[in-house]
Amino acid sequence: MKTLFKFLTLLATVSTFPASAQQAQHFNDYTVHYNALNSSMISPEVAKVYGIRRSDSRALINVSVLRNTDKPLPKAVKATVTASARDLMGQVRSIEMREILEGGDAIYYIGELSVRNMETLDFTIEVTAEGQSRPFEVKFRQQFYTE
């Protein structure tokens, strides 16, 4: 649970930076939260726990899926998550996503990819929440700075 707190603190901290702000899209009873940031922004301790390679030239994609309930807080749900990034030249990179379970009540999907200074990427994330047959599609654009 201590690691979860560190990870959530990290996400709250980086969401104060415009280039890596936490973003969300709503799909009926579900909310998909997503963000992308340079992996060097993650503390060495958190990177070690999750096997993340820290570098200014590496981006980390983070996705979580919450189901809105009648309770005060939404519930994290498992999902099938796929992601890709397209650069401005049209080259597409598939991003391998992996699931992280924390304490039974937090579920994250993270992926990593290499980035260059001032590179702009268009991300497409497809999320199929457990029990759903149709995926939700999230698209966003982000520029990375490595120097």
Protein backbone atom coordinates (compact mmCIF):
# COMPACT_ATOMS: atom_id res chain seq x y z
CA MET A 1 0.00 0.00 0.00
CA LYS A 2 2.98 2.28 0.64
CA THR A 3 4.05 1.83 -2.99
CA LEU A 4 0.55 2.71 -4.18
CA PHE A 5 0.69 5.91 -2.17
CA LYS A 6 4.04 6.79 -3.79
CA PHE A 7 2.64 6.07 -7.25
CA LEU A 8 -0.51 8.11 -6.65
CA THR A 9 1.60 10.93 -5.21
CA LEU A 10 3.75 10.81 -8.34
CA LEU A 11 0.71 11.09 -10.58
CA ALA A 12 -0.70 13.96 -8.56
CA THR A 13 2.65 15.74 -8.70
CA VAL A 14 3.19 15.37 -12.43
CA SER A 15 -0.37 16.40 -13.15
CA THR A 16 0.61 19.92 -12.12
CA PHE A 17 2.79 20.15 -15.24
CA PRO A 18 0.78 21.09 -18.36
CA ALA A 19 2.69 18.73 -20.67
CA SER A 20 1.88 15.71 -18.54
CA ALA A 21 -1.44 16.64 -16.99
CA GLN A 22 -3.74 13.87 -15.89
CA GLN A 23 -6.52 13.63 -18.42
CA ALA A 24 -9.81 11.74 -18.42
CA GLN A 25 -12.63 10.86 -20.77
CA HIS A 26 -16.05 9.62 -19.72
CA PHE A 27 -17.86 6.73 -21.42
CA ASN A 28 -21.29 6.08 -19.89
CA ASP A 29 -20.56 4.47 -16.47
CA TYR A 30 -16.78 4.44 -17.00
CA THR A 31 -14.01 7.00 -16.81
CA VAL A 32 -10.65 6.38 -18.49
CA HIS A 33 -7.79 8.33 -16.90
CA TYR A 34 -4.57 8.62 -18.89
CA ASN A 35 -1.33 10.53 -18.98
CA ALA A 36 2.09 10.49 -20.61
CA LEU A 37 5.32 11.81 -19.13
CA ASN A 38 9.08 11.44 -19.35
CA SER A 39 10.03 8.43 -17.25
CA SER A 40 12.83 10.46 -15.64
CA MET A 41 10.10 12.24 -13.64
CA ILE A 42 9.49 9.04 -11.68
CA SER A 43 11.48 8.51 -8.51
CA PRO A 44 14.16 5.79 -8.67
CA GLU A 45 12.33 3.85 -5.92
CA VAL A 46 9.02 3.73 -7.79
CA ALA A 47 10.77 2.94 -11.09
CA LYS A 48 12.56 0.01 -9.47
CA VAL A 49 9.36 -1.43 -7.97
CA TYR A 50 7.55 -1.32 -11.34
CA GLY A 51 10.50 -2.15 -13.58
CA ILE A 52 10.37 1.21 -15.37
CA ARG A 53 13.49 2.42 -17.17
CA ARG A 54 14.11 6.02 -16.14
CA SER A 55 15.39 8.32 -18.88
CA ASP A 56 14.67 11.74 -20.36
CA SER A 57 14.37 9.99 -23.73
CA ARG A 58 11.71 7.51 -22.57
CA ALA A 59 8.02 8.20 -22.15
CA LEU A 60 5.70 6.43 -19.75
CA ILE A 61 2.01 6.01 -20.59
CA ASN A 62 -0.33 5.39 -17.66
CA VAL A 63 -3.99 4.36 -18.00
CA SER A 64 -6.61 3.48 -15.40
CA VAL A 65 -10.27 2.59 -15.80
CA LEU A 66 -12.87 3.44 -13.19
CA ARG A 67 -16.50 2.40 -13.04
CA ASN A 68 -18.80 4.99 -11.56
CA THR A 69 -20.98 3.51 -8.81
CA ASP A 70 -23.53 4.77 -6.34
CA LYS A 71 -20.75 4.86 -3.73
CA PRO A 72 -18.70 8.01 -3.06
CA LEU A 73 -15.66 6.70 -4.93
CA PRO A 74 -15.60 4.96 -8.33
CA LYS A 75 -14.26 1.39 -8.54
CA ALA A 76 -11.12 0.45 -10.46
CA VAL A 77 -11.85 -2.24 -13.04
CA LYS A 78 -9.72 -4.58 -15.09
CA ALA A 79 -9.56 -3.96 -18.81
CA THR A 80 -7.83 -4.93 -22.00
CA VAL A 81 -5.71 -1.94 -22.96
CA THR A 82 -3.85 -1.42 -26.23
CA ALA A 83 -1.93 1.68 -27.19
CA SER A 84 -0.03 3.11 -30.12
CA ALA A 85 1.72 6.36 -30.96
CA ARG A 86 2.01 8.01 -34.37
CA ASP A 87 4.67 10.63 -35.03
CA LEU A 88 4.09 13.59 -37.33
CA MET A 89 5.71 11.68 -40.21
CA GLY A 90 3.03 9.00 -39.88
CA GLN A 91 5.20 6.27 -38.39
CA VAL A 92 3.24 4.17 -35.91
CA ARG A 93 4.73 2.57 -32.81
CA SER A 94 2.87 -0.07 -30.87
CA ILE A 95 3.17 0.33 -27.10
CA GLU A 96 3.19 -2.83 -25.00
CA MET A 97 0.94 -2.23 -22.00
CA ARG A 98 1.19 -4.16 -18.77
CA GLU A 99 -1.15 -4.41 -15.83
CA ILE A 100 -0.21 -3.32 -12.33
CA LEU A 101 -2.40 -4.42 -9.42
CA GLU A 102 -2.05 -2.57 -6.12
CA GLY A 103 -3.73 -3.81 -2.98
CA GLY A 104 -6.81 -5.13 -4.75
CA ASP A 105 -8.35 -1.69 -5.18
CA ALA A 106 -6.06 0.01 -7.70
CA ILE A 107 -5.38 -1.16 -11.25
CA TYR A 108 -3.03 0.60 -13.68
CA TYR A 109 -1.86 -0.13 -17.19
CA ILE A 110 1.55 1.24 -18.12
CA GLY A 111 3.67 1.22 -21.24
CA GLU A 112 6.99 2.75 -22.28
CA LEU A 113 8.48 4.02 -25.50
CA SER A 114 11.48 6.00 -26.71
CA VAL A 115 11.03 9.69 -27.55
CA ARG A 116 13.21 12.42 -29.05
CA ASN A 117 13.51 16.05 -28.00
CA MET A 118 10.51 18.11 -29.15
CA GLU A 119 8.86 15.02 -30.66
CA THR A 120 5.09 15.26 -30.96
CA LEU A 121 3.12 12.03 -30.78
CA ASP A 122 -0.54 11.28 -31.41
CA PHE A 123 -1.63 8.52 -29.03
CA THR A 124 -4.51 6.12 -29.57
CA ILE A 125 -5.58 4.01 -26.61
CA GLU A 126 -8.28 1.37 -26.83
CA VAL A 127 -9.81 0.20 -23.57
CA THR A 128 -12.27 -2.67 -23.23
CA ALA A 129 -13.47 -2.75 -19.64
CA GLU A 130 -14.06 -6.17 -18.11
CA GLY A 131 -17.59 -7.29 -18.94
CA GLN A 132 -17.91 -4.89 -21.88
CA SER A 133 -17.87 -5.96 -25.52
CA ARG A 134 -17.06 -2.64 -27.18
CA PRO A 135 -13.84 -0.71 -26.61
CA PHE A 136 -13.59 2.92 -25.58
CA GLU A 137 -11.16 4.93 -27.71
CA VAL A 138 -9.02 7.72 -26.30
CA LYS A 139 -6.88 9.95 -28.51
CA PHE A 140 -4.53 12.69 -27.45
CA ARG A 141 -1.45 14.55 -28.67
CA GLN A 142 1.63 15.34 -26.64
CA GLN A 143 5.03 16.86 -27.24
CA PHE A 144 8.05 15.60 -25.29
CA TYR A 145 11.19 17.42 -24.22
CA THR A 146 14.31 15.41 -23.49
CA GLU A 147 16.92 18.13 -22.92
